[in-house]
Amino acid sequence: MAIVQTTRRTALGVGVLAPLIPGLALARPLPRKLVRPTAPFDMPSIGVPNFSGARRFPITEFGADQGDQGKTSAAISAAITAANAAGAGVVVIPEGTWPTGKVHLKSNVALHLAKGATLLFSEKPADYLPAVQTTWEGLECWNYSPLVYAFDCENVAITGPGRLKAKLDVWREWYKRPKPHMDALLALYHQAARGEPVSERRMTAGEANLRPQFIQFNRCRHVLIEDVSIEDSPFWVIHPFLCTDAVIRRVKIRAHGHNNDGVDPEMSQNVLIEDCVFDQGDDAVSVKSGRDQDAWRLGVPTRNVVMRDCKIRNGHQLMAVGSELSAGIENVFVDNCHFVGDGKGEDGWAVPIANLLFVKTNERRGGFVRNIHMRNVSATKIAGSVLAIDTDVLYQWRTLVPTYERRLTAIEGLRVSDVRVEEAGSVCSIKGEKDLPVRDVRLRRVTAGKVAGPVTTENVAGFNIT
């Protein structure tokens, strides 16, 4: 990626010429709309960018060609640069299928997909180089660029009603996680545990094969994603990381691959996810806050997350909390969300939903989980529980790497009410730590037509169900 240096002289030159060049004059500060979600905690208003009065920058005016990925990628990049230089702008993807590589947004820029537009992302890993500062399952590193990426930006948006689609030819092979991939993950784990600088954690060499997120907003403020459809993904689909004020609404996601969570707010605050449809190969929404030493270093909890009015066709959990939660998670509210899948799925593909609300951690995470609410939720058939808490979730890491430092997770203040399930494994299953019991859990008006097992609680102080 070329780095353009702007000298004081050239900057002054642009400033003098700006009023004389159409489209170059800097606009007034981009206005924002305030979204005010209600919640059973003090939920701040969320400021999202308002691009209704911003100039539009169609990529066809910058040389985009539906038959040429290189020209289209270059045109999108040029349009984003021009919109940013103008003070604010909307980069328009017109009707049709447009092949592209990575898309890097800048401040005060919206990417808009017109009706009938498909932005088709390359399956070639080389198209997502050079590496960028990103993350892998709660650990910071330099890796392949997310397909759509923004770093340290404000006022950024992706709007519809078009479609973002990833070609999976190579990523599908990378789902398999062969030994070289696992070796790279172990190396990253040890680098983070030892506190090695993020700049030295280079993960694109050899066969590390760390798949990039589809969309990552990294250290951004005032983020909006609305109305678009997203199909297929190398890894997590939408990942706000270290973000403040983000709204994700009326988004439809269909991604059936490995680790294909729908939305993963991580170390982010003031997030609204509403009116979305999830058809996932993993969790619909998974709230996270980083892993182990890396998260303790950053020290930014995830706080004030509202998920409401969403439908889940497929997915492992409706709402997961963790297991990467080492910086802490508090104030999460799930309201009026419904698992509507029939267990068969469209085209005969489906995964069994495990739990409606699942808090998962382990002895290495530390952090905290508190003030989590779920109400007015329904489901057809779930294999697990309405509420599940497990403090010993380590997956393959149990034997792959050692525990550098044992830190338990304080879990308290969970409220679940007005939930209806046709069939469930159980209403509630809690496995707390003897040294740090789960505290203050209340279930109200939770009903199931058929339940396979009883309510189970282990190491819980203050449990009440009516």
Protein backbone atom coordinates (compact mmCIF):
# COMPACT_ATOMS: atom_id res chain seq x y z
CA MET A 1 0.00 0.00 0.00
CA ALA A 2 1.55 3.26 -1.11
CA ILE A 3 2.08 5.93 1.52
CA VAL A 4 1.52 9.47 0.29
CA GLN A 5 3.32 12.13 2.28
CA THR A 6 1.70 15.55 2.34
CA THR A 7 4.08 18.40 3.05
CA ARG A 8 3.01 21.63 4.71
CA ARG A 9 3.43 23.38 1.36
CA THR A 10 1.20 20.95 -0.55
CA ALA A 11 -1.33 21.00 2.26
CA LEU A 12 -1.48 24.77 2.09
CA GLY A 13 -1.82 24.54 -1.66
CA VAL A 14 -4.80 22.27 -1.38
CA GLY A 15 -6.31 24.59 1.21
CA VAL A 16 -5.98 27.58 -1.13
CA LEU A 17 -7.35 25.75 -4.17
CA ALA A 18 -10.17 23.91 -2.40
CA PRO A 19 -12.80 26.66 -2.83
CA LEU A 20 -11.97 26.79 -6.57
CA ILE A 21 -12.23 23.06 -7.34
CA PRO A 22 -15.74 21.54 -7.39
CA GLY A 23 -16.07 18.70 -4.93
CA LEU A 24 -12.78 19.45 -3.19
CA ALA A 25 -14.00 22.14 -0.82
CA LEU A 26 -14.23 20.71 2.69
CA ALA A 27 -17.81 20.28 3.81
CA ARG A 28 -19.23 21.26 7.12
CA PRO A 29 -18.78 18.64 9.84
CA LEU A 30 -20.78 15.54 8.99
CA PRO A 31 -24.03 15.58 10.98
CA ARG A 32 -25.05 12.65 13.17
CA LYS A 33 -28.34 11.14 14.17
CA LEU A 34 -28.94 10.04 17.73
CA VAL A 35 -30.36 6.59 18.34
CA ARG A 36 -31.81 6.09 21.82
CA PRO A 37 -32.22 2.39 22.67
CA THR A 38 -34.15 1.55 25.81
CA ALA A 39 -32.61 -0.94 28.23
CA PRO A 40 -32.83 -2.01 31.89
CA PHE A 41 -29.61 -0.09 32.50
CA ASP A 42 -28.40 3.41 31.72
CA MET A 43 -27.95 3.06 27.95
CA PRO A 44 -26.40 6.14 26.34
CA SER A 45 -27.67 7.59 23.08
CA ILE A 46 -25.66 6.40 20.09
CA GLY A 47 -24.44 8.88 17.50
CA VAL A 48 -24.35 7.53 13.92
CA PRO A 49 -23.28 9.42 10.79
CA ASN A 50 -25.91 11.01 8.58
CA PHE A 51 -24.83 10.93 4.94
CA SER A 52 -28.14 12.12 3.49
CA GLY A 53 -26.65 15.44 2.40
CA ALA A 54 -23.23 14.14 1.35
CA ARG A 55 -21.97 14.10 -2.22
CA ARG A 56 -22.12 10.76 -4.07
CA PHE A 57 -19.11 9.20 -5.76
CA PRO A 58 -20.15 6.41 -8.20
CA ILE A 59 -17.27 4.01 -8.79
CA THR A 60 -18.01 4.04 -12.52
CA GLU A 61 -16.70 7.61 -12.61
CA PHE A 62 -13.35 6.28 -11.38
CA GLY A 63 -12.92 3.50 -13.94
CA ALA A 64 -14.70 0.52 -12.36
CA ASP A 65 -15.22 -2.38 -14.78
CA GLN A 66 -17.44 -5.39 -14.03
CA GLY A 67 -15.09 -7.57 -16.04
CA ASP A 68 -11.87 -6.41 -14.38
CA GLN A 69 -11.19 -6.88 -10.65
CA GLY A 70 -8.06 -4.74 -10.73
CA LYS A 71 -9.82 -1.75 -12.26
CA THR A 72 -12.77 -2.07 -9.91
CA SER A 73 -10.57 -2.33 -6.81
CA ALA A 74 -8.59 0.71 -7.89
CA ALA A 75 -11.79 2.64 -8.63
CA ILE A 76 -13.27 1.90 -5.20
CA SER A 77 -10.05 3.00 -3.51
CA ALA A 78 -9.92 6.21 -5.56
CA ALA A 79 -13.57 7.00 -4.86
CA ILE A 80 -13.04 6.50 -1.11
CA THR A 81 -10.01 8.81 -1.19
CA ALA A 82 -11.96 11.46 -3.11
CA ALA A 83 -14.94 11.26 -0.74
CA ASN A 84 -12.66 11.61 2.25
CA ALA A 85 -10.82 14.54 0.67
CA ALA A 86 -14.13 16.28 0.00
CA GLY A 87 -14.91 16.22 3.72
CA ALA A 88 -17.61 13.55 3.41
CA GLY A 89 -19.07 11.37 0.72
CA VAL A 90 -20.96 8.27 -0.33
CA VAL A 91 -19.13 5.79 -2.55
CA VAL A 92 -21.80 4.15 -4.71
CA ILE A 93 -21.64 0.59 -6.03
CA PRO A 94 -24.18 0.55 -8.90
CA GLU A 95 -26.40 -2.32 -10.01
CA GLY A 96 -24.46 -5.31 -11.28
CA THR A 97 -21.73 -7.62 -10.01
CA TRP A 98 -18.41 -5.93 -9.27
CA PRO A 99 -15.33 -8.06 -8.48
CA THR A 100 -12.92 -6.58 -5.98
CA GLY A 101 -10.14 -7.18 -3.52
CA LYS A 102 -9.95 -5.52 -0.11
CA VAL A 103 -11.88 -2.32 0.61
CA HIS A 104 -10.35 0.12 3.12
CA LEU A 105 -12.73 2.82 4.29
CA LYS A 106 -11.70 6.26 5.57
CA SER A 107 -13.32 8.75 7.92
CA ASN A 108 -16.54 10.44 6.80
CA VAL A 109 -17.13 7.90 4.03
CA ALA A 110 -20.08 5.60 3.42
CA LEU A 111 -19.96 2.59 1.11
CA HIS A 112 -23.41 2.30 -0.49
CA LEU A 113 -24.59 -0.73 -2.45
CA ALA A 114 -27.44 0.16 -4.76
CA LYS A 115 -30.39 -2.14 -5.39
CA GLY A 116 -29.20 -5.07 -7.50
CA ALA A 117 -25.53 -4.41 -6.71
CA THR A 118 -23.18 -7.18 -5.61
CA LEU A 119 -19.67 -6.48 -4.44
CA LEU A 120 -17.93 -9.83 -5.02
CA PHE A 121 -14.76 -10.27 -2.98
CA SER A 122 -11.78 -12.20 -4.28
CA GLU A 123 -10.95 -15.61 -2.88
CA LYS A 124 -7.18 -15.02 -3.29
CA PRO A 125 -5.32 -14.35 0.00
CA ALA A 126 -2.72 -12.28 -1.86
CA ASP A 127 -5.43 -9.72 -2.63
CA TYR A 128 -5.63 -8.97 1.12
CA LEU A 129 -1.98 -8.06 1.52
CA PRO A 130 -0.04 -6.19 2.74
CA ALA A 131 -0.95 -7.24 6.26
CA VAL A 132 -2.86 -4.87 8.53
CA GLN A 133 -3.20 -4.54 12.28
CA THR A 134 -6.12 -6.76 13.19
CA THR A 135 -7.03 -9.62 15.53
CA TRP A 136 -7.55 -13.36 15.70
CA GLU A 137 -9.95 -14.68 18.33
CA GLY A 138 -9.14 -12.00 20.88
CA LEU A 139 -5.41 -11.61 20.15
CA GLU A 140 -3.96 -8.65 18.26
CA CYS A 141 -1.68 -9.37 15.32
CA TRP A 142 -0.81 -8.35 11.77
CA ASN A 143 -2.73 -10.52 9.37
CA TYR A 144 -4.54 -10.53 6.04
CA SER A 145 -6.78 -7.50 5.73
CA PRO A 146 -10.45 -8.00 6.49
CA LEU A 147 -12.41 -7.83 3.27
CA VAL A 148 -13.86 -4.48 4.39
CA TYR A 149 -11.65 -2.67 6.91
CA ALA A 150 -11.41 0.66 8.70
CA PHE A 151 -8.77 1.57 11.27
CA ASP A 152 -8.96 4.56 13.61
CA CYS A 153 -11.77 6.19 11.63
CA GLU A 154 -14.88 8.09 12.57
CA ASN A 155 -18.18 8.44 10.75
CA VAL A 156 -18.00 5.33 8.57
CA ALA A 157 -20.89 3.39 7.11
CA ILE A 158 -21.94 0.51 4.89
CA THR A 159 -25.48 0.86 3.57
CA GLY A 160 -27.77 -1.12 1.26
CA PRO A 161 -29.90 -2.53 -0.27
CA GLY A 162 -27.25 -4.39 -2.26
CA ARG A 163 -25.10 -7.37 -1.34
CA LEU A 164 -21.58 -8.13 -0.14
CA LYS A 165 -20.47 -11.63 -1.11
CA ALA A 166 -17.23 -13.52 -0.47
CA LYS A 167 -15.92 -16.17 -2.82
CA LEU A 168 -14.91 -19.12 -0.64
CA ASP A 169 -12.76 -21.21 -3.00
CA VAL A 170 -9.60 -20.87 -0.85
CA TRP A 171 -11.10 -19.86 2.50
CA ARG A 172 -13.16 -23.06 2.46
CA GLU A 173 -9.93 -25.05 2.34
CA TRP A 174 -8.54 -22.96 5.21
CA TYR A 175 -11.50 -23.92 7.39
CA LYS A 176 -9.79 -27.30 7.93
CA ARG A 177 -7.13 -25.95 10.33
CA PRO A 178 -4.17 -28.23 9.46
CA LYS A 179 -1.12 -28.54 11.72
CA PRO A 180 0.82 -25.53 10.27
CA HIS A 181 -2.21 -23.37 11.05
CA MET A 182 -2.43 -24.67 14.62
CA ASP A 183 1.32 -24.15 15.07
CA ALA A 184 0.90 -20.52 14.01
CA LEU A 185 -1.93 -20.07 16.50
CA LEU A 186 0.22 -21.52 19.28
CA ALA A 187 3.04 -19.12 18.38
CA LEU A 188 0.61 -16.17 18.49
CA TYR A 189 -0.75 -17.32 21.85
CA HIS A 190 2.76 -17.44 23.33
CA GLN A 191 3.72 -14.07 21.83
CA ALA A 192 0.67 -12.43 23.39
CA ALA A 193 1.21 -14.13 26.75
CA ARG A 194 4.81 -12.90 26.83
CA GLY A 195 3.73 -9.38 25.93
CA GLU A 196 5.63 -9.22 22.65
CA PRO A 197 4.77 -6.10 20.61
CA VAL A 198 1.83 -6.45 18.24
CA SER A 199 4.07 -5.24 15.41
CA GLU A 200 6.14 -8.43 15.74
CA ARG A 201 3.16 -10.79 15.52
CA ARG A 202 3.22 -11.37 11.76
CA MET A 203 0.77 -14.07 10.73
CA THR A 204 0.87 -14.15 6.93
CA ALA A 205 4.03 -16.21 6.47
CA GLY A 206 3.98 -19.83 5.36
CA GLU A 207 0.80 -21.79 5.96
CA ALA A 208 -0.48 -19.91 9.01
CA ASN A 209 -3.77 -19.55 7.12
CA LEU A 210 -5.46 -17.22 9.59
CA ARG A 211 -8.66 -16.27 7.77
CA PRO A 212 -9.65 -12.58 7.83
CA GLN A 213 -12.94 -11.20 9.11
CA PHE A 214 -15.41 -10.09 6.46
CA ILE A 215 -15.95 -6.63 8.01
CA GLN A 216 -13.80 -5.19 10.78
CA PHE A 217 -14.07 -1.68 12.16
CA ASN A 218 -10.95 -1.39 14.32
CA ARG A 219 -10.73 1.49 16.81
CA CYS A 220 -13.52 3.44 15.08
CA ARG A 221 -16.14 5.90 16.31
CA HIS A 222 -19.67 6.39 14.99
CA VAL A 223 -20.21 3.33 12.82
CA LEU A 224 -23.34 2.45 10.82
CA ILE A 225 -24.16 -0.74 8.91
CA GLU A 226 -27.71 -0.93 7.60
CA ASP A 227 -29.90 -2.64 5.02
CA VAL A 228 -27.19 -4.66 3.29
CA SER A 229 -27.12 -8.41 2.73
CA ILE A 230 -23.93 -10.33 3.44
CA GLU A 231 -23.30 -13.79 2.03
CA ASP A 232 -20.50 -16.18 3.00
CA SER A 233 -17.42 -15.21 4.99
CA PRO A 234 -13.88 -16.42 5.61
CA PHE A 235 -14.25 -15.90 9.40
CA TRP A 236 -16.39 -13.69 11.69
CA VAL A 237 -18.79 -11.62 9.60
CA ILE A 238 -19.09 -8.21 11.35
CA HIS A 239 -16.47 -7.35 13.97
CA PRO A 240 -16.51 -3.97 15.73
CA PHE A 241 -13.25 -4.00 17.70
CA LEU A 242 -12.44 -1.20 20.16
CA CYS A 243 -15.30 0.84 18.71
CA THR A 244 -17.59 3.41 20.27
CA ASP A 245 -21.13 4.10 19.02
CA ALA A 246 -22.08 1.46 16.45
CA VAL A 247 -25.48 0.63 14.96
CA ILE A 248 -26.07 -2.53 12.90
CA ARG A 249 -29.64 -2.71 11.64
CA ARG A 250 -31.77 -4.38 8.98
CA VAL A 251 -28.79 -6.49 7.94
CA LYS A 252 -29.30 -9.99 6.52
CA ILE A 253 -26.44 -12.43 6.96
CA ARG A 254 -26.13 -15.89 5.44
CA ALA A 255 -22.76 -17.44 6.27
CA HIS A 256 -22.50 -21.17 6.89
CA GLY A 257 -18.74 -21.59 7.22
CA HIS A 258 -16.42 -22.32 10.13
CA ASN A 259 -16.35 -19.59 12.81
CA ASN A 260 -19.02 -17.68 10.90
CA ASP A 261 -20.45 -15.69 13.82
CA GLY A 262 -22.82 -12.96 12.68
CA VAL A 263 -21.78 -9.98 14.83
CA ASP A 264 -18.93 -9.95 17.37
CA PRO A 265 -18.76 -6.66 19.31
CA GLU A 266 -15.39 -6.79 21.08
CA MET A 267 -14.03 -4.22 23.55
CA SER A 268 -16.71 -1.95 22.12
CA GLN A 269 -19.20 0.31 23.83
CA ASN A 270 -22.66 1.61 22.95
CA VAL A 271 -23.69 -0.92 20.30
CA LEU A 272 -27.16 -1.53 18.86
CA ILE A 273 -28.00 -4.61 16.76
CA GLU A 274 -31.60 -4.50 15.56
CA ASP A 275 -34.00 -5.90 12.95
CA CYS A 276 -31.35 -8.27 11.60
CA VAL A 277 -31.73 -11.78 10.19
CA PHE A 278 -29.03 -14.31 11.02
CA ASP A 279 -28.40 -17.57 9.16
CA GLN A 280 -25.09 -18.63 10.65
CA GLY A 281 -22.62 -21.47 10.83
CA ASP A 282 -21.74 -20.32 14.37
CA ASP A 283 -23.21 -17.89 16.93
CA ALA A 284 -25.69 -15.25 15.76
CA VAL A 285 -24.19 -12.62 18.11
CA SER A 286 -21.18 -13.18 20.34
CA VAL A 287 -20.15 -10.39 22.70
CA LYS A 288 -16.43 -10.47 23.44
CA SER A 289 -13.70 -8.42 25.13
CA GLY A 290 -10.36 -9.96 24.21
CA ARG A 291 -8.28 -12.87 25.38
CA ASP A 292 -6.06 -13.19 28.45
CA GLN A 293 -2.91 -11.02 28.67
CA ASP A 294 -3.72 -9.07 25.51
CA ALA A 295 -7.07 -7.96 26.89
CA TRP A 296 -5.63 -7.19 30.32
CA ARG A 297 -3.09 -4.96 28.55
CA LEU A 298 -5.74 -3.06 26.59
CA GLY A 299 -8.16 -2.96 29.52
CA VAL A 300 -11.26 -1.86 27.60
CA PRO A 301 -14.49 -3.65 28.62
CA THR A 302 -17.41 -4.22 26.30
CA ARG A 303 -20.32 -2.24 27.68
CA ASN A 304 -23.86 -1.24 26.68
CA VAL A 305 -24.90 -3.69 23.95
CA VAL A 306 -28.53 -4.00 22.88
CA MET A 307 -29.78 -6.70 20.51
CA ARG A 308 -33.46 -6.38 19.65
CA ASP A 309 -36.10 -7.45 17.10
CA CYS A 310 -33.84 -10.00 15.39
CA LYS A 311 -34.60 -13.36 13.79
CA ILE A 312 -32.24 -16.33 13.79
CA ARG A 313 -32.71 -19.02 11.14
CA ASN A 314 -29.57 -20.98 12.04
CA GLY A 315 -26.77 -20.62 14.58
CA HIS A 316 -25.12 -22.21 17.57
CA GLN A 317 -26.25 -19.61 20.11
CA LEU A 318 -28.72 -16.78 19.85
CA MET A 319 -26.51 -14.70 22.16
CA ALA A 320 -23.08 -15.80 23.36
CA VAL A 321 -21.00 -13.96 25.94
CA GLY A 322 -17.35 -14.96 25.64
CA SER A 323 -15.31 -16.98 25.72
CA GLU A 324 -12.90 -14.13 24.92
CA LEU A 325 -14.01 -11.77 27.72
CA SER A 326 -10.85 -10.94 29.64
CA ALA A 327 -11.40 -7.17 29.70
CA GLY A 328 -14.93 -7.63 31.06
CA ILE A 329 -18.48 -7.44 29.71
CA GLU A 330 -21.39 -5.58 31.27
CA ASN A 331 -24.79 -4.19 30.36
CA VAL A 332 -26.07 -6.50 27.62
CA PHE A 333 -29.77 -6.61 26.71
CA VAL A 334 -31.48 -9.06 24.34
CA ASP A 335 -35.11 -8.13 23.63
CA ASN A 336 -37.76 -9.52 21.29
CA CYS A 337 -35.47 -11.89 19.39
CA HIS A 338 -36.63 -15.21 17.99
CA PHE A 339 -35.08 -18.43 16.75
CA VAL A 340 -37.40 -19.36 13.92
CA GLY A 341 -35.50 -22.22 12.28
CA ASP A 342 -37.11 -25.59 11.78
CA GLY A 343 -33.87 -27.52 12.29
CA LYS A 344 -33.67 -28.29 8.57
CA GLY A 345 -32.81 -24.92 7.11
CA GLU A 346 -33.13 -23.67 3.58
CA ASP A 347 -31.52 -25.95 0.99
CA GLY A 348 -31.28 -28.67 3.63
CA TRP A 349 -28.48 -26.99 5.60
CA ALA A 350 -28.74 -26.23 9.31
CA VAL A 351 -26.85 -26.44 12.59
CA PRO A 352 -28.67 -27.23 15.84
CA ILE A 353 -28.97 -24.18 18.04
CA ALA A 354 -27.40 -24.99 21.39
CA ASN A 355 -28.46 -22.23 23.80
CA LEU A 356 -30.40 -18.99 23.75
CA LEU A 357 -28.04 -17.23 26.19
CA PHE A 358 -24.63 -18.80 26.75
CA VAL A 359 -21.93 -17.33 29.01
CA LYS A 360 -18.65 -19.16 28.50
CA THR A 361 -15.23 -18.63 30.03
CA ASN A 362 -12.35 -20.53 31.65
CA GLU A 363 -9.65 -20.22 34.30
CA ARG A 364 -7.34 -18.22 31.99
CA ARG A 365 -9.70 -15.41 31.08
CA GLY A 366 -10.24 -13.28 34.17
CA GLY A 367 -12.46 -10.31 33.45
CA PHE A 368 -16.08 -10.13 34.55
CA VAL A 369 -19.62 -10.63 33.27
CA ARG A 370 -22.41 -8.65 34.89
CA ASN A 371 -25.81 -7.16 34.30
CA ILE A 372 -26.94 -9.37 31.40
CA HIS A 373 -30.65 -9.31 30.46
CA MET A 374 -32.78 -11.38 28.09
CA ARG A 375 -36.54 -11.04 27.70
CA ASN A 376 -39.36 -11.71 25.26
CA VAL A 377 -37.49 -14.40 23.35
CA SER A 378 -38.83 -17.52 21.67
CA ALA A 379 -37.43 -20.57 19.94
CA THR A 380 -38.54 -23.73 18.24
CA LYS A 381 -36.16 -26.53 19.26
CA ILE A 382 -32.86 -26.00 21.07
CA ALA A 383 -30.38 -28.73 21.95
CA GLY A 384 -29.07 -26.94 25.04
CA SER A 385 -30.62 -24.51 27.52
CA VAL A 386 -32.46 -21.23 27.63
CA LEU A 387 -29.64 -20.04 29.92
CA ALA A 388 -26.29 -21.82 30.08
CA ILE A 389 -23.15 -20.77 31.97
CA ASP A 390 -19.95 -22.79 31.70
CA THR A 391 -16.72 -21.64 33.37
CA ASP A 392 -14.55 -24.42 31.94
CA VAL A 393 -14.72 -23.90 28.17
CA LEU A 394 -11.26 -24.40 26.69
CA TYR A 395 -11.92 -26.34 23.50
CA GLN A 396 -8.65 -27.54 21.92
CA TRP A 397 -6.59 -25.08 23.97
CA ARG A 398 -6.88 -27.25 27.08
CA THR A 399 -3.98 -29.46 25.97
CA LEU A 400 -2.34 -27.30 23.32
CA VAL A 401 -1.01 -24.51 25.57
CA PRO A 402 -0.37 -24.02 29.27
CA THR A 403 -2.15 -21.69 31.67
CA TYR A 404 0.30 -18.82 32.11
CA GLU A 405 -1.77 -17.19 34.82
CA ARG A 406 -4.95 -18.44 36.47
CA ARG A 407 -7.63 -15.76 36.71
CA LEU A 408 -11.27 -16.63 37.25
CA THR A 409 -14.20 -14.68 35.83
CA ALA A 410 -16.65 -12.95 38.18
CA ILE A 411 -20.17 -13.61 36.84
CA GLU A 412 -23.19 -11.94 38.43
CA GLY A 413 -26.52 -10.32 37.74
CA LEU A 414 -28.23 -12.35 34.99
CA ARG A 415 -31.94 -11.80 34.30
CA VAL A 416 -33.98 -13.97 31.91
CA SER A 417 -37.75 -13.48 31.57
CA ASP A 418 -40.68 -14.16 29.28
CA VAL A 419 -39.05 -16.87 27.18
CA ARG A 420 -41.00 -19.51 25.28
CA VAL A 421 -39.40 -22.63 23.79
CA GLU A 422 -41.18 -25.51 22.07
CA GLU A 423 -38.47 -28.04 22.97
CA ALA A 424 -35.22 -27.73 24.95
CA GLY A 425 -32.48 -29.82 26.47
CA SER A 426 -33.08 -27.96 29.72
CA VAL A 427 -34.30 -24.63 31.00
CA CYS A 428 -31.05 -23.76 32.76
CA SER A 429 -27.58 -25.23 33.21
CA ILE A 430 -24.92 -23.43 35.28
CA LYS A 431 -21.43 -24.73 36.01
CA GLY A 432 -19.68 -22.17 38.20
CA GLU A 433 -16.27 -22.22 39.89
CA LYS A 434 -16.03 -23.34 43.49
CA ASP A 435 -13.49 -20.58 44.17
CA LEU A 436 -15.70 -17.90 42.60
CA PRO A 437 -19.37 -18.90 42.37
CA VAL A 438 -21.80 -17.40 39.88
CA ARG A 439 -24.02 -14.90 41.71
CA ASP A 440 -27.53 -13.50 41.45
CA VAL A 441 -29.31 -15.34 38.65
CA ARG A 442 -33.07 -14.95 38.15
CA LEU A 443 -35.41 -16.60 35.66
CA ARG A 444 -39.04 -15.50 35.37
CA ARG A 445 -41.81 -16.90 33.21
CA VAL A 446 -39.59 -19.26 31.22
CA THR A 447 -41.66 -22.02 29.63
CA ALA A 448 -40.88 -25.02 27.44
CA GLY A 449 -43.30 -27.41 25.82
CA LYS A 450 -40.90 -30.32 26.15
CA VAL A 451 -37.77 -30.49 28.30
CA ALA A 452 -35.28 -33.37 28.22
CA GLY A 453 -33.38 -32.63 31.45
CA PRO A 454 -33.69 -30.81 34.77
CA VAL A 455 -32.40 -27.43 35.88
CA THR A 456 -28.81 -27.88 37.06
CA THR A 457 -26.76 -25.42 39.08
CA GLU A 458 -23.24 -25.93 40.38
CA ASN A 459 -21.42 -23.33 42.48
CA VAL A 460 -24.13 -20.68 42.28
CA ALA A 461 -25.01 -18.20 45.02
CA GLY A 462 -28.41 -16.55 44.73
CA PHE A 463 -30.39 -18.53 42.15
CA ASN A 464 -34.10 -17.98 41.74
CA ILE A 465 -36.56 -19.35 39.19
CA THR A 466 -40.32 -18.72 39.13
